[in-house]
Amino acid sequence: MDAERYTPTRLEWLVLNVETKIPMLLSQLRRLKDLKTVDDIRVFFRVKEPDTVVVVTRYVKEVPKDVVKLLDEEIERQTLEIAKHYGWDSWVKIERDMP
């Protein structure tokens, strides 16, 4: 069976790269802030064409707001750092989807 080749868009590639950083970020955050379980915070990404990464963050109410803020800032920093590496930082935008 022949598989159809797919080439991701720049935005999809960026999201894929950022997604690889999330487990490490969450692990560090859990260690630093003594969160109870791995399910305290979940982070997902969506592509919003033509130029936007949507960061979807869900967390239980017991997670302190400063922890969520710290995670949000670090995700933005990592996303822009990766975009800059590829020369895409001039056009990429970041939106947040948080409760």
PDB file of N, CA and C in Angstrom:
ATOM      1  N   MET A   1       0.849  -1.180   0.000  1.00  0.00           N
ATOM      2  CA  MET A   1       0.000   0.000   0.000  1.00  0.00           C
ATOM      3  C   MET A   1       0.891   1.239   0.000  1.00  0.00           C
ATOM      4  N   ASP A   2       0.604   2.150  -0.903  1.00  0.00           N
ATOM      5  CA  ASP A   2       1.371   3.387  -0.980  1.00  0.00           C
ATOM      6  C   ASP A   2       0.800   4.413  -0.015  1.00  0.00           C
ATOM      7  N   ALA A   3       1.664   4.957   0.818  1.00  0.00           N
ATOM      8  CA  ALA A   3       1.250   5.998   1.743  1.00  0.00           C
ATOM      9  C   ALA A   3       1.373   7.354   1.056  1.00  0.00           C
ATOM     10  N   GLU A   4       0.383   8.181   1.285  1.00  0.00           N
ATOM     11  CA  GLU A   4       0.420   9.519   0.717  1.00  0.00           C
ATOM     12  C   GLU A   4       1.316  10.388   1.596  1.00  0.00           C
ATOM     13  N   ARG A   5       2.247  11.072   0.967  1.00  0.00           N
ATOM     14  CA  ARG A   5       3.172  11.921   1.711  1.00  0.00           C
ATOM     15  C   ARG A   5       2.468  13.205   2.139  1.00  0.00           C
ATOM     16  N   TYR A   6       2.838  13.663   3.330  1.00  0.00           N
ATOM     17  CA  TYR A   6       2.282  14.915   3.849  1.00  0.00           C
ATOM     18  C   TYR A   6       3.420  15.771   4.360  1.00  0.00           C
ATOM     19  N   THR A   7       3.431  16.999   3.950  1.00  0.00           N
ATOM     20  CA  THR A   7       4.413  17.954   4.446  1.00  0.00           C
ATOM     21  C   THR A   7       3.687  18.952   5.336  1.00  0.00           C
ATOM     22  N   PRO A   8       4.068  19.037   6.615  1.00  0.00           N
ATOM     23  CA  PRO A   8       3.375  19.975   7.513  1.00  0.00           C
ATOM     24  C   PRO A   8       3.659  21.423   7.116  1.00  0.00           C
ATOM     25  N   THR A   9       2.715  22.294   7.458  1.00  0.00           N
ATOM     26  CA  THR A   9       2.919  23.723   7.255  1.00  0.00           C
ATOM     27  C   THR A   9       3.942  24.215   8.277  1.00  0.00           C
ATOM     28  N   ARG A  10       4.411  25.418   8.091  1.00  0.00           N
ATOM     29  CA  ARG A  10       5.353  25.986   9.071  1.00  0.00           C
ATOM     30  C   ARG A  10       4.703  26.058  10.450  1.00  0.00           C
ATOM     31  N   LEU A  11       3.434  26.441  10.483  1.00  0.00           N
ATOM     32  CA  LEU A  11       2.730  26.549  11.755  1.00  0.00           C
ATOM     33  C   LEU A  11       2.577  25.183  12.427  1.00  0.00           C
ATOM     34  N   GLU A  12       2.239  24.158  11.658  1.00  0.00           N
ATOM     35  CA  GLU A  12       2.141  22.809  12.214  1.00  0.00           C
ATOM     36  C   GLU A  12       3.496  22.330  12.723  1.00  0.00           C
ATOM     37  N   TRP A  13       4.551  22.653  12.011  1.00  0.00           N
ATOM     38  CA  TRP A  13       5.889  22.256  12.428  1.00  0.00           C
ATOM     39  C   TRP A  13       6.271  22.954  13.734  1.00  0.00           C
ATOM     40  N   LEU A  14       5.919  24.219  13.841  1.00  0.00           N
ATOM     41  CA  LEU A  14       6.195  24.975  15.061  1.00  0.00           C
ATOM     42  C   LEU A  14       5.466  24.344  16.248  1.00  0.00           C
ATOM     43  N   VAL A  15       4.185  24.054  16.079  1.00  0.00           N
ATOM     44  CA  VAL A  15       3.401  23.433  17.148  1.00  0.00           C
ATOM     45  C   VAL A  15       4.002  22.091  17.552  1.00  0.00           C
ATOM     46  N   LEU A  16       4.380  21.304  16.589  1.00  0.00           N
ATOM     47  CA  LEU A  16       5.002  20.009  16.876  1.00  0.00           C
ATOM     48  C   LEU A  16       6.266  20.183  17.718  1.00  0.00           C
ATOM     49  N   ASN A  17       7.081  21.165  17.380  1.00  0.00           N
ATOM     50  CA  ASN A  17       8.303  21.432  18.143  1.00  0.00           C
ATOM     51  C   ASN A  17       7.991  21.891  19.564  1.00  0.00           C
ATOM     52  N   VAL A  18       7.009  22.755  19.718  1.00  0.00           N
ATOM     53  CA  VAL A  18       6.647  23.248  21.056  1.00  0.00           C
ATOM     54  C   VAL A  18       6.070  22.108  21.899  1.00  0.00           C
ATOM     55  N   GLU A  19       5.262  21.257  21.277  1.00  0.00           N
ATOM     56  CA  GLU A  19       4.675  20.129  22.010  1.00  0.00           C
ATOM     57  C   GLU A  19       5.736  19.227  22.627  1.00  0.00           C
ATOM     58  N   THR A  20       6.889  19.114  21.997  1.00  0.00           N
ATOM     59  CA  THR A  20       7.943  18.264  22.544  1.00  0.00           C
ATOM     60  C   THR A  20       8.526  18.840  23.829  1.00  0.00           C
ATOM     61  N   LYS A  21       8.370  20.137  24.060  1.00  0.00           N
ATOM     62  CA  LYS A  21       8.912  20.785  25.262  1.00  0.00           C
ATOM     63  C   LYS A  21       7.982  20.679  26.468  1.00  0.00           C
ATOM     64  N   ILE A  22       6.705  20.447  26.238  1.00  0.00           N
ATOM     65  CA  ILE A  22       5.712  20.507  27.311  1.00  0.00           C
ATOM     66  C   ILE A  22       5.937  19.478  28.416  1.00  0.00           C
ATOM     67  N   PRO A  23       6.210  18.207  28.134  1.00  0.00           N
ATOM     68  CA  PRO A  23       6.426  17.274  29.245  1.00  0.00           C
ATOM     69  C   PRO A  23       7.546  17.725  30.189  1.00  0.00           C
ATOM     70  N   MET A  24       8.629  18.242  29.638  1.00  0.00           N
ATOM     71  CA  MET A  24       9.726  18.711  30.481  1.00  0.00           C
ATOM     72  C   MET A  24       9.293  19.929  31.307  1.00  0.00           C
ATOM     73  N   LEU A  25       8.587  20.867  30.684  1.00  0.00           N
ATOM     74  CA  LEU A  25       8.123  22.051  31.413  1.00  0.00           C
ATOM     75  C   LEU A  25       7.192  21.668  32.554  1.00  0.00           C
ATOM     76  N   LEU A  26       6.251  20.770  32.280  1.00  0.00           N
ATOM     77  CA  LEU A  26       5.321  20.344  33.324  1.00  0.00           C
ATOM     78  C   LEU A  26       6.033  19.591  34.433  1.00  0.00           C
ATOM     79  N   SER A  27       6.995  18.769  34.077  1.00  0.00           N
ATOM     80  CA  SER A  27       7.763  18.036  35.074  1.00  0.00           C
ATOM     81  C   SER A  27       8.520  18.995  35.995  1.00  0.00           C
ATOM     82  N   GLN A  28       9.160  19.983  35.411  1.00  0.00           N
ATOM     83  CA  GLN A  28       9.892  20.971  36.210  1.00  0.00           C
ATOM     84  C   GLN A  28       8.946  21.756  37.101  1.00  0.00           C
ATOM     85  N   LEU A  29       7.831  22.144  36.549  1.00  0.00           N
ATOM     86  CA  LEU A  29       6.851  22.914  37.309  1.00  0.00           C
ATOM     87  C   LEU A  29       6.303  22.105  38.477  1.00  0.00           C
ATOM     88  N   ARG A  30       6.007  20.853  38.244  1.00  0.00           N
ATOM     89  CA  ARG A  30       5.480  19.991  39.314  1.00  0.00           C
ATOM     90  C   ARG A  30       6.498  19.812  40.432  1.00  0.00           C
ATOM     91  N   ARG A  31       7.761  19.699  40.051  1.00  0.00           N
ATOM     92  CA  ARG A  31       8.815  19.551  41.058  1.00  0.00           C
ATOM     93  C   ARG A  31       8.984  20.827  41.868  1.00  0.00           C
ATOM     94  N   LEU A  32       8.962  21.958  41.185  1.00  0.00           N
ATOM     95  CA  LEU A  32       9.184  23.241  41.859  1.00  0.00           C
ATOM     96  C   LEU A  32       8.005  23.668  42.725  1.00  0.00           C
ATOM     97  N   LYS A  33       6.808  23.343  42.295  1.00  0.00           N
ATOM     98  CA  LYS A  33       5.608  23.838  42.982  1.00  0.00           C
ATOM     99  C   LYS A  33       4.855  22.752  43.742  1.00  0.00           C
ATOM    100  N   ASP A  34       5.385  21.536  43.773  1.00  0.00           N
ATOM    101  CA  ASP A  34       4.796  20.442  44.542  1.00  0.00           C
ATOM    102  C   ASP A  34       3.327  20.218  44.211  1.00  0.00           C
ATOM    103  N   LEU A  35       3.044  20.068  42.932  1.00  0.00           N
ATOM    104  CA  LEU A  35       1.682  19.749  42.523  1.00  0.00           C
ATOM    105  C   LEU A  35       1.428  18.272  42.788  1.00  0.00           C
ATOM    106  N   LYS A  36       0.187  17.929  43.047  1.00  0.00           N
ATOM    107  CA  LYS A  36      -0.133  16.595  43.522  1.00  0.00           C
ATOM    108  C   LYS A  36      -0.056  15.491  42.470  1.00  0.00           C
ATOM    109  N   THR A  37      -0.613  15.713  41.297  1.00  0.00           N
ATOM    110  CA  THR A  37      -0.644  14.647  40.296  1.00  0.00           C
ATOM    111  C   THR A  37      -0.278  15.189  38.920  1.00  0.00           C
ATOM    112  N   VAL A  38      -0.050  14.275  38.014  1.00  0.00           N
ATOM    113  CA  VAL A  38       0.275  14.667  36.646  1.00  0.00           C
ATOM    114  C   VAL A  38      -0.944  15.231  35.922  1.00  0.00           C
ATOM    115  N   ASP A  39      -2.108  15.046  36.492  1.00  0.00           N
ATOM    116  CA  ASP A  39      -3.332  15.542  35.859  1.00  0.00           C
ATOM    117  C   ASP A  39      -3.733  16.934  36.334  1.00  0.00           C
ATOM    118  N   ASP A  40      -2.924  17.567  37.148  1.00  0.00           N
ATOM    119  CA  ASP A  40      -3.252  18.907  37.642  1.00  0.00           C
ATOM    120  C   ASP A  40      -3.341  19.937  36.516  1.00  0.00           C
ATOM    121  N   ILE A  41      -2.454  19.807  35.533  1.00  0.00           N
ATOM    122  CA  ILE A  41      -2.399  20.764  34.421  1.00  0.00           C
ATOM    123  C   ILE A  41      -2.254  19.988  33.120  1.00  0.00           C
ATOM    124  N   ARG A  42      -3.029  20.387  32.128  1.00  0.00           N
ATOM    125  CA  ARG A  42      -2.930  19.822  30.779  1.00  0.00           C
ATOM    126  C   ARG A  42      -2.754  20.961  29.789  1.00  0.00           C
ATOM    127  N   VAL A  43      -1.900  20.745  28.797  1.00  0.00           N
ATOM    128  CA  VAL A  43      -1.652  21.755  27.771  1.00  0.00           C
ATOM    129  C   VAL A  43      -1.790  21.104  26.394  1.00  0.00           C
ATOM    130  N   PHE A  44      -2.551  21.758  25.527  1.00  0.00           N
ATOM    131  CA  PHE A  44      -2.742  21.299  24.155  1.00  0.00           C
ATOM    132  C   PHE A  44      -2.523  22.488  23.231  1.00  0.00           C
ATOM    133  N   PHE A  45      -2.338  22.209  21.963  1.00  0.00           N
ATOM    134  CA  PHE A  45      -2.124  23.276  20.985  1.00  0.00           C
ATOM    135  C   PHE A  45      -3.042  23.077  19.793  1.00  0.00           C
ATOM    136  N   ARG A  46      -3.471  24.188  19.228  1.00  0.00           N
ATOM    137  CA  ARG A  46      -4.227  24.178  17.981  1.00  0.00           C
ATOM    138  C   ARG A  46      -3.561  25.144  17.016  1.00  0.00           C
ATOM    139  N   VAL A  47      -3.694  24.837  15.758  1.00  0.00           N
ATOM    140  CA  VAL A  47      -3.205  25.717  14.703  1.00  0.00           C
ATOM    141  C   VAL A  47      -4.387  26.548  14.230  1.00  0.00           C
ATOM    142  N   LYS A  48      -4.198  27.848  14.182  1.00  0.00           N
ATOM    143  CA  LYS A  48      -5.223  28.751  13.663  1.00  0.00           C
ATOM    144  C   LYS A  48      -4.591  29.487  12.489  1.00  0.00           C
ATOM    145  N   GLU A  49      -4.881  28.978  11.302  1.00  0.00           N
ATOM    146  CA  GLU A  49      -4.283  29.549  10.092  1.00  0.00           C
ATOM    147  C   GLU A  49      -4.681  31.012   9.945  1.00  0.00           C
ATOM    148  N   PRO A  50      -3.821  31.846   9.435  1.00  0.00           N
ATOM    149  CA  PRO A  50      -2.573  31.494   8.778  1.00  0.00           C
ATOM    150  C   PRO A  50      -1.329  31.613   9.663  1.00  0.00           C
ATOM    151  N   ASP A  51      -1.460  32.184  10.883  1.00  0.00           N
ATOM    152  CA  ASP A  51      -0.236  32.549  11.601  1.00  0.00           C
ATOM    153  C   ASP A  51      -0.294  32.417  13.123  1.00  0.00           C
ATOM    154  N   THR A  52      -1.272  31.675  13.639  1.00  0.00           N
ATOM    155  CA  THR A  52      -1.488  31.690  15.088  1.00  0.00           C
ATOM    156  C   THR A  52      -1.426  30.301  15.707  1.00  0.00           C
ATOM    157  N   VAL A  53      -0.696  30.218  16.808  1.00  0.00           N
ATOM    158  CA  VAL A  53      -0.667  29.029  17.657  1.00  0.00           C
ATOM    159  C   VAL A  53      -1.610  29.316  18.824  1.00  0.00           C
ATOM    160  N   VAL A  54      -2.585  28.442  19.032  1.00  0.00           N
ATOM    161  CA  VAL A  54      -3.505  28.587  20.159  1.00  0.00           C
ATOM    162  C   VAL A  54      -3.060  27.618  21.245  1.00  0.00           C
ATOM    163  N   VAL A  55      -2.761  28.158  22.416  1.00  0.00           N
ATOM    164  CA  VAL A  55      -2.347  27.349  23.561  1.00  0.00           C
ATOM    165  C   VAL A  55      -3.582  27.107  24.430  1.00  0.00           C
ATOM    166  N   VAL A  56      -3.959  25.843  24.571  1.00  0.00           N
ATOM    167  CA  VAL A  56      -5.123  25.465  25.364  1.00  0.00           C
ATOM    168  C   VAL A  56      -4.608  24.895  26.683  1.00  0.00           C
ATOM    169  N   THR A  57      -4.927  25.559  27.777  1.00  0.00           N
ATOM    170  CA  THR A  57      -4.461  25.131  29.097  1.00  0.00           C
ATOM    171  C   THR A  57      -5.670  24.823  29.977  1.00  0.00           C
ATOM    172  N   ARG A  58      -5.658  23.658  30.574  1.00  0.00           N
ATOM    173  CA  ARG A  58      -6.710  23.253  31.507  1.00  0.00           C
ATOM    174  C   ARG A  58      -6.045  22.813  32.801  1.00  0.00           C
ATOM    175  N   TYR A  59      -6.650  23.173  33.908  1.00  0.00           N
ATOM    176  CA  TYR A  59      -6.068  22.834  35.206  1.00  0.00           C
ATOM    177  C   TYR A  59      -7.161  22.757  36.258  1.00  0.00           C
ATOM    178  N   VAL A  60      -6.860  22.014  37.313  1.00  0.00           N
ATOM    179  CA  VAL A  60      -7.816  21.914  38.420  1.00  0.00           C
ATOM    180  C   VAL A  60      -7.745  23.187  39.250  1.00  0.00           C
ATOM    181  N   LYS A  61      -8.836  23.472  39.940  1.00  0.00           N
ATOM    182  CA  LYS A  61      -8.930  24.748  40.659  1.00  0.00           C
ATOM    183  C   LYS A  61      -7.907  24.890  41.784  1.00  0.00           C
ATOM    184  N   GLU A  62      -7.346  23.777  42.241  1.00  0.00           N
ATOM    185  CA  GLU A  62      -6.371  23.838  43.331  1.00  0.00           C
ATOM    186  C   GLU A  62      -4.995  24.339  42.871  1.00  0.00           C
ATOM    187  N   VAL A  63      -4.779  24.394  41.570  1.00  0.00           N
ATOM    188  CA  VAL A  63      -3.485  24.869  41.069  1.00  0.00           C
ATOM    189  C   VAL A  63      -3.414  26.385  41.264  1.00  0.00           C
ATOM    190  N   PRO A  64      -2.403  26.857  41.955  1.00  0.00           N
ATOM    191  CA  PRO A  64      -2.276  28.302  42.190  1.00  0.00           C
ATOM    192  C   PRO A  64      -2.139  29.091  40.883  1.00  0.00           C
ATOM    193  N   LYS A  65      -2.733  30.263  40.856  1.00  0.00           N
ATOM    194  CA  LYS A  65      -2.703  31.104  39.656  1.00  0.00           C
ATOM    195  C   LYS A  65      -1.277  31.464  39.256  1.00  0.00           C
ATOM    196  N   ASP A  66      -0.382  31.620  40.221  1.00  0.00           N
ATOM    197  CA  ASP A  66       1.000  31.967  39.872  1.00  0.00           C
ATOM    198  C   ASP A  66       1.690  30.834  39.108  1.00  0.00           C
ATOM    199  N   VAL A  67       1.277  29.590  39.378  1.00  0.00           N
ATOM    200  CA  VAL A  67       1.830  28.445  38.660  1.00  0.00           C
ATOM    201  C   VAL A  67       1.354  28.472  37.205  1.00  0.00           C
ATOM    202  N   VAL A  68       0.078  28.737  37.008  1.00  0.00           N
ATOM    203  CA  VAL A  68      -0.482  28.811  35.658  1.00  0.00           C
ATOM    204  C   VAL A  68       0.173  29.959  34.888  1.00  0.00           C
ATOM    205  N   LYS A  69       0.360  31.078  35.550  1.00  0.00           N
ATOM    206  CA  LYS A  69       0.993  32.236  34.909  1.00  0.00           C
ATOM    207  C   LYS A  69       2.438  31.915  34.508  1.00  0.00           C
ATOM    208  N   LEU A  70       3.166  31.259  35.389  1.00  0.00           N
ATOM    209  CA  LEU A  70       4.544  30.880  35.108  1.00  0.00           C
ATOM    210  C   LEU A  70       4.609  29.925  33.912  1.00  0.00           C
ATOM    211  N   LEU A  71       3.730  28.948  33.879  1.00  0.00           N
ATOM    212  CA  LEU A  71       3.680  28.014  32.758  1.00  0.00           C
ATOM    213  C   LEU A  71       3.352  28.742  31.462  1.00  0.00           C
ATOM    214  N   ASP A  72       2.373  29.618  31.505  1.00  0.00           N
ATOM    215  CA  ASP A  72       1.975  30.382  30.328  1.00  0.00           C
ATOM    216  C   ASP A  72       3.137  31.216  29.784  1.00  0.00           C
ATOM    217  N   GLU A  73       3.848  31.876  30.663  1.00  0.00           N
ATOM    218  CA  GLU A  73       4.996  32.685  30.245  1.00  0.00           C
ATOM    219  C   GLU A  73       6.093  31.828  29.625  1.00  0.00           C
ATOM    220  N   GLU A  74       6.328  30.664  30.205  1.00  0.00           N
ATOM    221  CA  GLU A  74       7.379  29.776  29.693  1.00  0.00           C
ATOM    222  C   GLU A  74       6.994  29.173  28.339  1.00  0.00           C
ATOM    223  N   ILE A  75       5.730  28.837  28.166  1.00  0.00           N
ATOM    224  CA  ILE A  75       5.274  28.327  26.866  1.00  0.00           C
ATOM    225  C   ILE A  75       5.441  29.400  25.796  1.00  0.00           C
ATOM    226  N   GLU A  76       5.077  30.620  26.118  1.00  0.00           N
ATOM    227  CA  GLU A  76       5.249  31.714  25.153  1.00  0.00           C
ATOM    228  C   GLU A  76       6.730  31.912  24.825  1.00  0.00           C
ATOM    229  N   ARG A  77       7.571  31.893  25.837  1.00  0.00           N
ATOM    230  CA  ARG A  77       9.005  32.070  25.615  1.00  0.00           C
ATOM    231  C   ARG A  77       9.562  30.967  24.726  1.00  0.00           C
ATOM    232  N   GLN A  78       9.196  29.736  25.027  1.00  0.00           N
ATOM    233  CA  GLN A  78       9.677  28.599  24.240  1.00  0.00           C
ATOM    234  C   GLN A  78       9.171  28.673  22.792  1.00  0.00           C
ATOM    235  N   THR A  79       7.906  29.029  22.626  1.00  0.00           N
ATOM    236  CA  THR A  79       7.322  29.123  21.287  1.00  0.00           C
ATOM    237  C   THR A  79       8.051  30.177  20.455  1.00  0.00           C
ATOM    238  N   LEU A  80       8.275  31.343  21.037  1.00  0.00           N
ATOM    239  CA  LEU A  80       8.957  32.409  20.303  1.00  0.00           C
ATOM    240  C   LEU A  80      10.424  32.080  20.046  1.00  0.00           C
ATOM    241  N   GLU A  81      11.035  31.372  20.980  1.00  0.00           N
ATOM    242  CA  GLU A  81      12.428  30.956  20.798  1.00  0.00           C
ATOM    243  C   GLU A  81      12.558  29.980  19.614  1.00  0.00           C
ATOM    244  N   ILE A  82      11.648  29.029  19.543  1.00  0.00           N
ATOM    245  CA  ILE A  82      11.663  28.072  18.433  1.00  0.00           C
ATOM    246  C   ILE A  82      11.344  28.783  17.120  1.00  0.00           C
ATOM    247  N   ALA A  83      10.355  29.671  17.139  1.00  0.00           N
ATOM    248  CA  ALA A  83      10.000  30.430  15.932  1.00  0.00           C
ATOM    249  C   ALA A  83      11.190  31.254  15.458  1.00  0.00           C
ATOM    250  N   LYS A  84      11.900  31.859  16.391  1.00  0.00           N
ATOM    251  CA  LYS A  84      13.067  32.664  16.029  1.00  0.00           C
ATOM    252  C   LYS A  84      14.146  31.789  15.381  1.00  0.00           C
ATOM    253  N   HIS A  85      14.333  30.595  15.904  1.00  0.00           N
ATOM    254  CA  HIS A  85      15.315  29.670  15.345  1.00  0.00           C
ATOM    255  C   HIS A  85      15.057  29.419  13.856  1.00  0.00           C
ATOM    256  N   TYR A  86      13.785  29.317  13.489  1.00  0.00           N
ATOM    257  CA  TYR A  86      13.422  29.065  12.099  1.00  0.00           C
ATOM    258  C   TYR A  86      13.244  30.353  11.286  1.00  0.00           C
ATOM    259  N   GLY A  87      13.352  31.510  11.945  1.00  0.00           N
ATOM    260  CA  GLY A  87      13.148  32.776  11.242  1.00  0.00           C
ATOM    261  C   GLY A  87      11.677  33.120  11.064  1.00  0.00           C
ATOM    262  N   TRP A  88      10.821  32.563  11.907  1.00  0.00           N
ATOM    263  CA  TRP A  88       9.379  32.762  11.789  1.00  0.00           C
ATOM    264  C   TRP A  88       8.827  33.715  12.846  1.00  0.00           C
ATOM    265  N   ASP A  89       9.668  34.249  13.705  1.00  0.00           N
ATOM    266  CA  ASP A  89       9.196  35.071  14.812  1.00  0.00           C
ATOM    267  C   ASP A  89       8.569  36.394  14.370  1.00  0.00           C
ATOM    268  N   SER A  90       8.793  36.806  13.130  1.00  0.00           N
ATOM    269  CA  SER A  90       8.229  38.071  12.666  1.00  0.00           C
ATOM    270  C   SER A  90       6.738  37.955  12.337  1.00  0.00           C
ATOM    271  N   TRP A  91       6.233  36.747  12.136  1.00  0.00           N
ATOM    272  CA  TRP A  91       4.826  36.610  11.755  1.00  0.00           C
ATOM    273  C   TRP A  91       3.986  35.750  12.698  1.00  0.00           C
ATOM    274  N   VAL A  92       4.626  34.949  13.536  1.00  0.00           N
ATOM    275  CA  VAL A  92       3.836  34.041  14.379  1.00  0.00           C
ATOM    276  C   VAL A  92       3.136  34.807  15.516  1.00  0.00           C
ATOM    277  N   LYS A  93       1.910  34.381  15.805  1.00  0.00           N
ATOM    278  CA  LYS A  93       1.122  34.956  16.905  1.00  0.00           C
ATOM    279  C   LYS A  93       0.738  33.841  17.857  1.00  0.00           C
ATOM    280  N   ILE A  94       0.507  34.213  19.115  1.00  0.00           N
ATOM    281  CA  ILE A  94       0.113  33.237  20.130  1.00  0.00           C
ATOM    282  C   ILE A  94      -1.183  33.702  20.768  1.00  0.00           C
ATOM    283  N   GLU A  95      -2.165  32.812  20.832  1.00  0.00           N
ATOM    284  CA  GLU A  95      -3.415  33.076  21.542  1.00  0.00           C
ATOM    285  C   GLU A  95      -3.533  32.063  22.663  1.00  0.00           C
ATOM    286  N   ARG A  96      -4.284  32.440  23.686  1.00  0.00           N
ATOM    287  CA  ARG A  96      -4.487  31.544  24.821  1.00  0.00           C
ATOM    288  C   ARG A  96      -5.954  31.181  24.946  1.00  0.00           C
ATOM    289  N   ASP A  97      -6.181  29.927  25.300  1.00  0.00           N
ATOM    290  CA  ASP A  97      -7.519  29.436  25.574  1.00  0.00           C
ATOM    291  C   ASP A  97      -7.459  28.841  26.984  1.00  0.00           C
ATOM    292  N   MET A  98      -7.825  29.678  27.970  1.00  0.00           N
ATOM    293  CA  MET A  98      -7.795  29.253  29.377  1.00  0.00           C
ATOM    294  C   MET A  98      -9.150  29.563  29.992  1.00  0.00           C
ATOM    295  N   PRO A  99      -9.519  28.751  30.976  1.00  0.00           N
ATOM    296  CA  PRO A  99     -10.809  29.040  31.653  1.00  0.00           C
ATOM    297  C   PRO A  99     -10.743  30.316  32.471  1.00  0.00           C
TER     298      PRO A  99
END
